[in-house]
Amino acid sequence: MAAQIVMVYRIPKDAAAFDLHYFDIHVALAQLLPGLRKYEIVQGASVLESPEYHLKETFHFDDAASAARALRSPEGLAAAADRRLMAPRAGDVLEFFVDGYEYAVD
């Protein structure tokens, strides 16, 4: 099993300020999530191949229980509070929880 939390941010009003906060503060907070195996960031036009999206982040965990524990942890709560500083409105960010299987490819 494997689980991912995917966050997709819409184009912010001030992209430069968003990026400064995101890369200087938010990334460091997000990397502290307990059980995090991998953290991916995609930015720009390739985000969902849509011009309305600015950035996508994907958090990889061993399983859904690990992802849920990370979200409820003090680190997860701190990252969520910080996210609300960057994207305060409900429509500013889309969040997906993906629980699935991971297969190695030779």
PDB file of N, CA and C in Angstrom:
ATOM      1  N   MET A   1       0.839  -1.181   0.000  1.00  0.00           N
ATOM      2  CA  MET A   1       0.000   0.000   0.000  1.00  0.00           C
ATOM      3  C   MET A   1       0.885   1.246   0.000  1.00  0.00           C
ATOM      4  N   ALA A   2       0.331   2.289  -0.484  1.00  0.00           N
ATOM      5  CA  ALA A   2       0.985   3.599  -0.477  1.00  0.00           C
ATOM      6  C   ALA A   2      -0.114   4.648  -0.427  1.00  0.00           C
ATOM      7  N   ALA A   3       0.204   5.796   0.119  1.00  0.00           N
ATOM      8  CA  ALA A   3      -0.778   6.872   0.186  1.00  0.00           C
ATOM      9  C   ALA A   3      -0.100   8.184  -0.164  1.00  0.00           C
ATOM     10  N   GLN A   4      -0.852   9.061  -0.795  1.00  0.00           N
ATOM     11  CA  GLN A   4      -0.361  10.395  -1.130  1.00  0.00           C
ATOM     12  C   GLN A   4      -1.397  11.424  -0.709  1.00  0.00           C
ATOM     13  N   ILE A   5      -0.888  12.570  -0.322  1.00  0.00           N
ATOM     14  CA  ILE A   5      -1.712  13.751  -0.137  1.00  0.00           C
ATOM     15  C   ILE A   5      -1.253  14.711  -1.216  1.00  0.00           C
ATOM     16  N   VAL A   6      -2.183  15.165  -2.046  1.00  0.00           N
ATOM     17  CA  VAL A   6      -1.865  16.050  -3.158  1.00  0.00           C
ATOM     18  C   VAL A   6      -2.573  17.381  -2.929  1.00  0.00           C
ATOM     19  N   MET A   7      -1.821  18.455  -2.972  1.00  0.00           N
ATOM     20  CA  MET A   7      -2.360  19.808  -2.812  1.00  0.00           C
ATOM     21  C   MET A   7      -2.063  20.575  -4.097  1.00  0.00           C
ATOM     22  N   VAL A   8      -3.091  21.191  -4.681  1.00  0.00           N
ATOM     23  CA  VAL A   8      -2.939  21.960  -5.908  1.00  0.00           C
ATOM     24  C   VAL A   8      -3.385  23.394  -5.618  1.00  0.00           C
ATOM     25  N   TYR A   9      -2.473  24.330  -5.773  1.00  0.00           N
ATOM     26  CA  TYR A   9      -2.731  25.744  -5.483  1.00  0.00           C
ATOM     27  C   TYR A   9      -3.091  26.491  -6.757  1.00  0.00           C
ATOM     28  N   ARG A  10      -4.158  27.267  -6.680  1.00  0.00           N
ATOM     29  CA  ARG A  10      -4.533  28.128  -7.797  1.00  0.00           C
ATOM     30  C   ARG A  10      -3.550  29.304  -7.881  1.00  0.00           C
ATOM     31  N   ILE A  11      -3.554  30.008  -8.992  1.00  0.00           N
ATOM     32  CA  ILE A  11      -2.688  31.171  -9.168  1.00  0.00           C
ATOM     33  C   ILE A  11      -3.008  32.179  -8.048  1.00  0.00           C
ATOM     34  N   PRO A  12      -2.017  32.533  -7.235  1.00  0.00           N
ATOM     35  CA  PRO A  12      -2.268  33.507  -6.168  1.00  0.00           C
ATOM     36  C   PRO A  12      -2.295  34.936  -6.725  1.00  0.00           C
ATOM     37  N   LYS A  13      -2.860  35.853  -5.941  1.00  0.00           N
ATOM     38  CA  LYS A  13      -2.900  37.263  -6.351  1.00  0.00           C
ATOM     39  C   LYS A  13      -1.496  37.817  -6.521  1.00  0.00           C
ATOM     40  N   ASP A  14      -0.596  37.430  -5.622  1.00  0.00           N
ATOM     41  CA  ASP A  14       0.794  37.886  -5.675  1.00  0.00           C
ATOM     42  C   ASP A  14       1.692  36.649  -5.717  1.00  0.00           C
ATOM     43  N   ALA A  15       1.984  36.180  -6.916  1.00  0.00           N
ATOM     44  CA  ALA A  15       2.752  34.948  -7.089  1.00  0.00           C
ATOM     45  C   ALA A  15       4.152  35.050  -6.487  1.00  0.00           C
ATOM     46  N   ALA A  16       4.789  36.192  -6.598  1.00  0.00           N
ATOM     47  CA  ALA A  16       6.144  36.354  -6.051  1.00  0.00           C
ATOM     48  C   ALA A  16       6.130  36.215  -4.528  1.00  0.00           C
ATOM     49  N   ALA A  17       5.154  36.836  -3.864  1.00  0.00           N
ATOM     50  CA  ALA A  17       5.050  36.731  -2.407  1.00  0.00           C
ATOM     51  C   ALA A  17       4.706  35.303  -1.997  1.00  0.00           C
ATOM     52  N   PHE A  18       3.823  34.668  -2.751  1.00  0.00           N
ATOM     53  CA  PHE A  18       3.480  33.266  -2.483  1.00  0.00           C
ATOM     54  C   PHE A  18       4.725  32.393  -2.553  1.00  0.00           C
ATOM     55  N   ASP A  19       5.475  32.516  -3.656  1.00  0.00           N
ATOM     56  CA  ASP A  19       6.666  31.689  -3.848  1.00  0.00           C
ATOM     57  C   ASP A  19       7.704  31.932  -2.761  1.00  0.00           C
ATOM     58  N   LEU A  20       7.898  33.159  -2.387  1.00  0.00           N
ATOM     59  CA  LEU A  20       8.859  33.476  -1.333  1.00  0.00           C
ATOM     60  C   LEU A  20       8.470  32.776  -0.036  1.00  0.00           C
ATOM     61  N   HIS A  21       7.225  32.910   0.358  1.00  0.00           N
ATOM     62  CA  HIS A  21       6.764  32.260   1.586  1.00  0.00           C
ATOM     63  C   HIS A  21       6.812  30.744   1.446  1.00  0.00           C
ATOM     64  N   TYR A  22       6.312  30.236   0.322  1.00  0.00           N
ATOM     65  CA  TYR A  22       6.247  28.787   0.120  1.00  0.00           C
ATOM     66  C   TYR A  22       7.626  28.143   0.226  1.00  0.00           C
ATOM     67  N   PHE A  23       8.587  28.669  -0.535  1.00  0.00           N
ATOM     68  CA  PHE A  23       9.898  28.019  -0.580  1.00  0.00           C
ATOM     69  C   PHE A  23      10.780  28.348   0.622  1.00  0.00           C
ATOM     70  N   ASP A  24      10.572  29.505   1.248  1.00  0.00           N
ATOM     71  CA  ASP A  24      11.394  29.874   2.406  1.00  0.00           C
ATOM     72  C   ASP A  24      10.846  29.344   3.719  1.00  0.00           C
ATOM     73  N   ILE A  25       9.529  29.144   3.814  1.00  0.00           N
ATOM     74  CA  ILE A  25       8.930  28.759   5.091  1.00  0.00           C
ATOM     75  C   ILE A  25       8.156  27.445   4.994  1.00  0.00           C
ATOM     76  N   HIS A  26       7.223  27.372   4.059  1.00  0.00           N
ATOM     77  CA  HIS A  26       6.308  26.231   4.028  1.00  0.00           C
ATOM     78  C   HIS A  26       7.013  24.903   3.732  1.00  0.00           C
ATOM     79  N   VAL A  27       7.921  24.894   2.802  1.00  0.00           N
ATOM     80  CA  VAL A  27       8.616  23.647   2.461  1.00  0.00           C
ATOM     81  C   VAL A  27       9.330  23.070   3.683  1.00  0.00           C
ATOM     82  N   ALA A  28       9.981  23.927   4.454  1.00  0.00           N
ATOM     83  CA  ALA A  28      10.683  23.447   5.657  1.00  0.00           C
ATOM     84  C   ALA A  28       9.705  22.832   6.657  1.00  0.00           C
ATOM     85  N   LEU A  29       8.528  23.433   6.816  1.00  0.00           N
ATOM     86  CA  LEU A  29       7.516  22.875   7.714  1.00  0.00           C
ATOM     87  C   LEU A  29       7.002  21.535   7.189  1.00  0.00           C
ATOM     88  N   ALA A  30       6.716  21.484   5.900  1.00  0.00           N
ATOM     89  CA  ALA A  30       6.165  20.270   5.310  1.00  0.00           C
ATOM     90  C   ALA A  30       7.146  19.102   5.389  1.00  0.00           C
ATOM     91  N   GLN A  31       8.417  19.371   5.267  1.00  0.00           N
ATOM     92  CA  GLN A  31       9.415  18.301   5.324  1.00  0.00           C
ATOM     93  C   GLN A  31       9.519  17.662   6.699  1.00  0.00           C
ATOM     94  N   LEU A  32       8.935  18.282   7.714  1.00  0.00           N
ATOM     95  CA  LEU A  32       8.960  17.748   9.072  1.00  0.00           C
ATOM     96  C   LEU A  32       7.827  16.770   9.348  1.00  0.00           C
ATOM     97  N   LEU A  33       6.918  16.575   8.400  1.00  0.00           N
ATOM     98  CA  LEU A  33       5.800  15.663   8.626  1.00  0.00           C
ATOM     99  C   LEU A  33       6.311  14.266   8.978  1.00  0.00           C
ATOM    100  N   PRO A  34       5.856  13.712  10.095  1.00  0.00           N
ATOM    101  CA  PRO A  34       6.316  12.375  10.472  1.00  0.00           C
ATOM    102  C   PRO A  34       5.829  11.329   9.471  1.00  0.00           C
ATOM    103  N   GLY A  35       6.702  10.412   9.114  1.00  0.00           N
ATOM    104  CA  GLY A  35       6.356   9.344   8.187  1.00  0.00           C
ATOM    105  C   GLY A  35       6.452   9.717   6.719  1.00  0.00           C
ATOM    106  N   LEU A  36       6.844  10.951   6.418  1.00  0.00           N
ATOM    107  CA  LEU A  36       6.948  11.389   5.027  1.00  0.00           C
ATOM    108  C   LEU A  36       8.090  10.663   4.342  1.00  0.00           C
ATOM    109  N   ARG A  37       7.782   9.978   3.230  1.00  0.00           N
ATOM    110  CA  ARG A  37       8.815   9.262   2.477  1.00  0.00           C
ATOM    111  C   ARG A  37       9.397  10.091   1.345  1.00  0.00           C
ATOM    112  N   LYS A  38       8.544  10.918   0.737  1.00  0.00           N
ATOM    113  CA  LYS A  38       8.970  11.680  -0.435  1.00  0.00           C
ATOM    114  C   LYS A  38       8.062  12.891  -0.548  1.00  0.00           C
ATOM    115  N   TYR A  39       8.616  14.004  -1.028  1.00  0.00           N
ATOM    116  CA  TYR A  39       7.869  15.258  -1.160  1.00  0.00           C
ATOM    117  C   TYR A  39       8.210  15.824  -2.529  1.00  0.00           C
ATOM    118  N   GLU A  40       7.208  15.962  -3.390  1.00  0.00           N
ATOM    119  CA  GLU A  40       7.419  16.450  -4.755  1.00  0.00           C
ATOM    120  C   GLU A  40       6.692  17.775  -4.961  1.00  0.00           C
ATOM    121  N   ILE A  41       7.319  18.657  -5.724  1.00  0.00           N
ATOM    122  CA  ILE A  41       6.731  19.948  -6.058  1.00  0.00           C
ATOM    123  C   ILE A  41       6.813  20.130  -7.569  1.00  0.00           C
ATOM    124  N   VAL A  42       5.684  20.512  -8.177  1.00  0.00           N
ATOM    125  CA  VAL A  42       5.632  20.854  -9.596  1.00  0.00           C
ATOM    126  C   VAL A  42       5.065  22.262  -9.667  1.00  0.00           C
ATOM    127  N   GLN A  43       5.744  23.132 -10.397  1.00  0.00           N
ATOM    128  CA  GLN A  43       5.319  24.518 -10.464  1.00  0.00           C
ATOM    129  C   GLN A  43       5.238  24.973 -11.908  1.00  0.00           C
ATOM    130  N   GLY A  44       4.280  25.857 -12.176  1.00  0.00           N
ATOM    131  CA  GLY A  44       4.200  26.467 -13.494  1.00  0.00           C
ATOM    132  C   GLY A  44       3.177  25.822 -14.400  1.00  0.00           C
ATOM    133  N   ALA A  45       3.351  26.033 -15.684  1.00  0.00           N
ATOM    134  CA  ALA A  45       2.362  25.636 -16.682  1.00  0.00           C
ATOM    135  C   ALA A  45       2.097  24.137 -16.700  1.00  0.00           C
ATOM    136  N   SER A  46       3.045  23.334 -16.238  1.00  0.00           N
ATOM    137  CA  SER A  46       2.845  21.888 -16.281  1.00  0.00           C
ATOM    138  C   SER A  46       1.932  21.380 -15.173  1.00  0.00           C
ATOM    139  N   VAL A  47       1.541  22.246 -14.230  1.00  0.00           N
ATOM    140  CA  VAL A  47       0.661  21.820 -13.145  1.00  0.00           C
ATOM    141  C   VAL A  47      -0.721  21.529 -13.727  1.00  0.00           C
ATOM    142  N   LEU A  48      -1.064  20.260 -13.781  1.00  0.00           N
ATOM    143  CA  LEU A  48      -2.343  19.798 -14.323  1.00  0.00           C
ATOM    144  C   LEU A  48      -2.634  20.341 -15.717  1.00  0.00           C
ATOM    145  N   GLU A  49      -1.606  20.790 -16.401  1.00  0.00           N
ATOM    146  CA  GLU A  49      -1.732  21.331 -17.757  1.00  0.00           C
ATOM    147  C   GLU A  49      -2.842  22.383 -17.844  1.00  0.00           C
ATOM    148  N   SER A  50      -2.905  23.236 -16.832  1.00  0.00           N
ATOM    149  CA  SER A  50      -3.932  24.275 -16.790  1.00  0.00           C
ATOM    150  C   SER A  50      -3.318  25.586 -16.335  1.00  0.00           C
ATOM    151  N   PRO A  51      -3.648  26.682 -17.002  1.00  0.00           N
ATOM    152  CA  PRO A  51      -3.081  27.973 -16.615  1.00  0.00           C
ATOM    153  C   PRO A  51      -3.644  28.535 -15.315  1.00  0.00           C
ATOM    154  N   GLU A  52      -4.701  27.925 -14.750  1.00  0.00           N
ATOM    155  CA  GLU A  52      -5.266  28.457 -13.505  1.00  0.00           C
ATOM    156  C   GLU A  52      -4.552  27.933 -12.255  1.00  0.00           C
ATOM    157  N   TYR A  53      -3.640  26.989 -12.429  1.00  0.00           N
ATOM    158  CA  TYR A  53      -2.934  26.417 -11.285  1.00  0.00           C
ATOM    159  C   TYR A  53      -1.478  26.866 -11.264  1.00  0.00           C
ATOM    160  N   HIS A  54      -0.994  27.110 -10.067  1.00  0.00           N
ATOM    161  CA  HIS A  54       0.343  27.651  -9.868  1.00  0.00           C
ATOM    162  C   HIS A  54       1.346  26.591  -9.406  1.00  0.00           C
ATOM    163  N   LEU A  55       0.898  25.697  -8.526  1.00  0.00           N
ATOM    164  CA  LEU A  55       1.834  24.766  -7.912  1.00  0.00           C
ATOM    165  C   LEU A  55       1.090  23.538  -7.412  1.00  0.00           C
ATOM    166  N   LYS A  56       1.748  22.395  -7.519  1.00  0.00           N
ATOM    167  CA  LYS A  56       1.197  21.145  -6.982  1.00  0.00           C
ATOM    168  C   LYS A  56       2.253  20.526  -6.090  1.00  0.00           C
ATOM    169  N   GLU A  57       1.836  20.083  -4.901  1.00  0.00           N
ATOM    170  CA  GLU A  57       2.755  19.362  -4.031  1.00  0.00           C
ATOM    171  C   GLU A  57       2.155  18.000  -3.719  1.00  0.00           C
ATOM    172  N   THR A  58       3.014  16.991  -3.687  1.00  0.00           N
ATOM    173  CA  THR A  58       2.580  15.635  -3.397  1.00  0.00           C
ATOM    174  C   THR A  58       3.435  15.092  -2.263  1.00  0.00           C
ATOM    175  N   PHE A  59       2.744  14.614  -1.229  1.00  0.00           N
ATOM    176  CA  PHE A  59       3.391  14.011  -0.069  1.00  0.00           C
ATOM    177  C   PHE A  59       3.167  12.509  -0.134  1.00  0.00           C
ATOM    178  N   HIS A  60       4.229  11.733  -0.042  1.00  0.00           N
ATOM    179  CA  HIS A  60       4.144  10.276  -0.135  1.00  0.00           C
ATOM    180  C   HIS A  60       4.357   9.649   1.239  1.00  0.00           C
ATOM    181  N   PHE A  61       3.472   8.705   1.568  1.00  0.00           N
ATOM    182  CA  PHE A  61       3.545   7.976   2.831  1.00  0.00           C
ATOM    183  C   PHE A  61       3.434   6.485   2.561  1.00  0.00           C
ATOM    184  N   ASP A  62       3.809   5.676   3.541  1.00  0.00           N
ATOM    185  CA  ASP A  62       3.729   4.221   3.386  1.00  0.00           C
ATOM    186  C   ASP A  62       2.295   3.736   3.234  1.00  0.00           C
ATOM    187  N   ASP A  63       1.372   4.358   3.963  1.00  0.00           N
ATOM    188  CA  ASP A  63      -0.023   3.915   3.926  1.00  0.00           C
ATOM    189  C   ASP A  63      -0.927   5.044   4.417  1.00  0.00           C
ATOM    190  N   ALA A  64      -2.233   4.811   4.323  1.00  0.00           N
ATOM    191  CA  ALA A  64      -3.206   5.831   4.700  1.00  0.00           C
ATOM    192  C   ALA A  64      -3.114   6.180   6.186  1.00  0.00           C
ATOM    193  N   ALA A  65      -2.854   5.202   7.029  1.00  0.00           N
ATOM    194  CA  ALA A  65      -2.747   5.468   8.467  1.00  0.00           C
ATOM    195  C   ALA A  65      -1.578   6.407   8.760  1.00  0.00           C
ATOM    196  N   SER A  66      -0.458   6.213   8.082  1.00  0.00           N
ATOM    197  CA  SER A  66       0.708   7.096   8.265  1.00  0.00           C
ATOM    198  C   SER A  66       0.390   8.517   7.813  1.00  0.00           C
ATOM    199  N   ALA A  67      -0.315   8.650   6.701  1.00  0.00           N
ATOM    200  CA  ALA A  67      -0.687   9.972   6.197  1.00  0.00           C
ATOM    201  C   ALA A  67      -1.634  10.665   7.171  1.00  0.00           C
ATOM    202  N   ALA A  68      -2.608   9.934   7.688  1.00  0.00           N
ATOM    203  CA  ALA A  68      -3.557  10.513   8.639  1.00  0.00           C
ATOM    204  C   ALA A  68      -2.856  10.950   9.925  1.00  0.00           C
ATOM    205  N   ARG A  69      -1.920  10.133  10.408  1.00  0.00           N
ATOM    206  CA  ARG A  69      -1.148  10.508  11.613  1.00  0.00           C
ATOM    207  C   ARG A  69      -0.334  11.775  11.357  1.00  0.00           C
ATOM    208  N   ALA A  70       0.236  11.885  10.187  1.00  0.00           N
ATOM    209  CA  ALA A  70       1.041  13.067   9.851  1.00  0.00           C
ATOM    210  C   ALA A  70       0.178  14.324   9.868  1.00  0.00           C
ATOM    211  N   LEU A  71      -1.028  14.235   9.323  1.00  0.00           N
ATOM    212  CA  LEU A  71      -1.915  15.405   9.292  1.00  0.00           C
ATOM    213  C   LEU A  71      -2.344  15.837  10.685  1.00  0.00           C
ATOM    214  N   ARG A  72      -2.517  14.878  11.589  1.00  0.00           N
ATOM    215  CA  ARG A  72      -2.957  15.177  12.958  1.00  0.00           C
ATOM    216  C   ARG A  72      -1.807  15.545  13.888  1.00  0.00           C
ATOM    217  N   SER A  73      -0.579  15.352  13.444  1.00  0.00           N
ATOM    218  CA  SER A  73       0.591  15.609  14.286  1.00  0.00           C
ATOM    219  C   SER A  73       0.779  17.117  14.493  1.00  0.00           C
ATOM    220  N   PRO A  74       1.549  17.522  15.505  1.00  0.00           N
ATOM    221  CA  PRO A  74       1.851  18.947  15.667  1.00  0.00           C
ATOM    222  C   PRO A  74       2.485  19.553  14.415  1.00  0.00           C
ATOM    223  N   GLU A  75       3.331  18.786  13.738  1.00  0.00           N
ATOM    224  CA  GLU A  75       3.968  19.265  12.505  1.00  0.00           C
ATOM    225  C   GLU A  75       2.934  19.449  11.396  1.00  0.00           C
ATOM    226  N   GLY A  76       1.994  18.513  11.300  1.00  0.00           N
ATOM    227  CA  GLY A  76       0.949  18.607  10.297  1.00  0.00           C
ATOM    228  C   GLY A  76       0.019  19.785  10.554  1.00  0.00           C
ATOM    229  N   LEU A  77      -0.312  20.012  11.814  1.00  0.00           N
ATOM    230  CA  LEU A  77      -1.167  21.144  12.169  1.00  0.00           C
ATOM    231  C   LEU A  77      -0.466  22.474  11.907  1.00  0.00           C
ATOM    232  N   ALA A  78       0.850  22.513  12.160  1.00  0.00           N
ATOM    233  CA  ALA A  78       1.620  23.738  11.888  1.00  0.00           C
ATOM    234  C   ALA A  78       1.690  24.005  10.388  1.00  0.00           C
ATOM    235  N   ALA A  79       1.904  22.956   9.582  1.00  0.00           N
ATOM    236  CA  ALA A  79       1.949  23.124   8.124  1.00  0.00           C
ATOM    237  C   ALA A  79       0.582  23.559   7.588  1.00  0.00           C
ATOM    238  N   ALA A  80      -0.487  23.015   8.146  1.00  0.00           N
ATOM    239  CA  ALA A  80      -1.838  23.397   7.706  1.00  0.00           C
ATOM    240  C   ALA A  80      -2.127  24.856   8.049  1.00  0.00           C
ATOM    241  N   ALA A  81      -1.732  25.290   9.226  1.00  0.00           N
ATOM    242  CA  ALA A  81      -1.934  26.689   9.615  1.00  0.00           C
ATOM    243  C   ALA A  81      -1.147  27.618   8.694  1.00  0.00           C
ATOM    244  N   ASP A  82       0.078  27.220   8.362  1.00  0.00           N
ATOM    245  CA  ASP A  82       0.897  28.025   7.463  1.00  0.00           C
ATOM    246  C   ASP A  82       0.284  28.056   6.068  1.00  0.00           C
ATOM    247  N   ARG A  83      -0.255  26.933   5.616  1.00  0.00           N
ATOM    248  CA  ARG A  83      -0.896  26.873   4.300  1.00  0.00           C
ATOM    249  C   ARG A  83      -2.042  27.880   4.224  1.00  0.00           C
ATOM    250  N   ARG A  84      -2.769  28.035   5.311  1.00  0.00           N
ATOM    251  CA  ARG A  84      -3.885  28.989   5.313  1.00  0.00           C
ATOM    252  C   ARG A  84      -3.398  30.437   5.215  1.00  0.00           C
ATOM    253  N   LEU A  85      -2.151  30.694   5.562  1.00  0.00           N
ATOM    254  CA  LEU A  85      -1.590  32.037   5.366  1.00  0.00           C
ATOM    255  C   LEU A  85      -1.374  32.320   3.879  1.00  0.00           C
ATOM    256  N   MET A  86      -0.934  31.302   3.154  1.00  0.00           N
ATOM    257  CA  MET A  86      -0.651  31.466   1.729  1.00  0.00           C
ATOM    258  C   MET A  86      -1.906  31.382   0.877  1.00  0.00           C
ATOM    259  N   ALA A  87      -2.844  30.546   1.288  1.00  0.00           N
ATOM    260  CA  ALA A  87      -4.060  30.288   0.509  1.00  0.00           C
ATOM    261  C   ALA A  87      -5.249  30.315   1.468  1.00  0.00           C
ATOM    262  N   PRO A  88      -5.690  31.518   1.846  1.00  0.00           N
ATOM    263  CA  PRO A  88      -6.698  31.638   2.901  1.00  0.00           C
ATOM    264  C   PRO A  88      -8.137  31.282   2.495  1.00  0.00           C
ATOM    265  N   ARG A  89      -8.465  31.402   1.216  1.00  0.00           N
ATOM    266  CA  ARG A  89      -9.838  31.118   0.789  1.00  0.00           C
ATOM    267  C   ARG A  89     -10.001  29.643   0.431  1.00  0.00           C
ATOM    268  N   ALA A  90     -11.205  29.129   0.643  1.00  0.00           N
ATOM    269  CA  ALA A  90     -11.474  27.705   0.392  1.00  0.00           C
ATOM    270  C   ALA A  90     -11.106  27.294  -1.036  1.00  0.00           C
ATOM    271  N   GLY A  91     -11.332  28.149  -2.021  1.00  0.00           N
ATOM    272  CA  GLY A  91     -11.048  27.799  -3.405  1.00  0.00           C
ATOM    273  C   GLY A  91      -9.609  27.990  -3.841  1.00  0.00           C
ATOM    274  N   ASP A  92      -8.743  28.455  -2.934  1.00  0.00           N
ATOM    275  CA  ASP A  92      -7.348  28.710  -3.283  1.00  0.00           C
ATOM    276  C   ASP A  92      -6.527  27.439  -3.466  1.00  0.00           C
ATOM    277  N   VAL A  93      -6.977  26.364  -2.848  1.00  0.00           N
ATOM    278  CA  VAL A  93      -6.211  25.117  -2.894  1.00  0.00           C
ATOM    279  C   VAL A  93      -7.172  23.937  -2.983  1.00  0.00           C
ATOM    280  N   LEU A  94      -6.796  22.958  -3.782  1.00  0.00           N
ATOM    281  CA  LEU A  94      -7.532  21.698  -3.873  1.00  0.00           C
ATOM    282  C   LEU A  94      -6.694  20.648  -3.159  1.00  0.00           C
ATOM    283  N   GLU A  95      -7.343  19.796  -2.387  1.00  0.00           N
ATOM    284  CA  GLU A  95      -6.622  18.769  -1.633  1.00  0.00           C
ATOM    285  C   GLU A  95      -7.210  17.406  -1.966  1.00  0.00           C
ATOM    286  N   PHE A  96      -6.320  16.449  -2.248  1.00  0.00           N
ATOM    287  CA  PHE A  96      -6.727  15.092  -2.575  1.00  0.00           C
ATOM    288  C   PHE A  96      -5.972  14.120  -1.682  1.00  0.00           C
ATOM    289  N   PHE A  97      -6.662  13.109  -1.245  1.00  0.00           N
ATOM    290  CA  PHE A  97      -6.037  12.030  -0.479  1.00  0.00           C
ATOM    291  C   PHE A  97      -6.140  10.785  -1.332  1.00  0.00           C
ATOM    292  N   VAL A  98      -5.000  10.187  -1.668  1.00  0.00           N
ATOM    293  CA  VAL A  98      -4.972   9.041  -2.565  1.00  0.00           C
ATOM    294  C   VAL A  98      -4.400   7.845  -1.805  1.00  0.00           C
ATOM    295  N   ASP A  99      -5.191   6.791  -1.729  1.00  0.00           N
ATOM    296  CA  ASP A  99      -4.770   5.566  -1.059  1.00  0.00           C
ATOM    297  C   ASP A  99      -4.739   4.473  -2.122  1.00  0.00           C
ATOM    298  N   GLY A 100      -3.577   3.909  -2.356  1.00  0.00           N
ATOM    299  CA  GLY A 100      -3.476   2.938  -3.433  1.00  0.00           C
ATOM    300  C   GLY A 100      -2.321   1.984  -3.258  1.00  0.00           C
ATOM    301  N   TYR A 101      -1.918   1.389  -4.333  1.00  0.00           N
ATOM    302  CA  TYR A 101      -0.847   0.415  -4.344  1.00  0.00           C
ATOM    303  C   TYR A 101       0.346   0.978  -5.101  1.00  0.00           C
ATOM    304  N   GLU A 102       1.511   0.544  -4.719  1.00  0.00           N
ATOM    305  CA  GLU A 102       2.738   0.956  -5.379  1.00  0.00           C
ATOM    306  C   GLU A 102       3.468  -0.297  -5.839  1.00  0.00           C
ATOM    307  N   TYR A 103       3.832  -0.339  -7.105  1.00  0.00           N
ATOM    308  CA  TYR A 103       4.542  -1.476  -7.668  1.00  0.00           C
ATOM    309  C   TYR A 103       5.893  -1.024  -8.196  1.00  0.00           C
ATOM    310  N   ALA A 104       6.907  -1.794  -7.902  1.00  0.00           N
ATOM    311  CA  ALA A 104       8.235  -1.507  -8.429  1.00  0.00           C
ATOM    312  C   ALA A 104       8.296  -1.962  -9.890  1.00  0.00           C
ATOM    313  N   VAL A 105       8.985  -1.189 -10.707  1.00  0.00           N
ATOM    314  CA  VAL A 105       9.140  -1.519 -12.118  1.00  0.00           C
ATOM    315  C   VAL A 105      10.628  -1.751 -12.372  1.00  0.00           C
ATOM    316  N   ASP A 106      10.927  -2.857 -12.977  1.00  0.00           N
ATOM    317  CA  ASP A 106      12.348  -3.161 -13.265  1.00  0.00           C
ATOM    318  C   ASP A 106      12.836  -2.418 -14.449  1.00  0.00           C
TER     319      ASP A 106
END
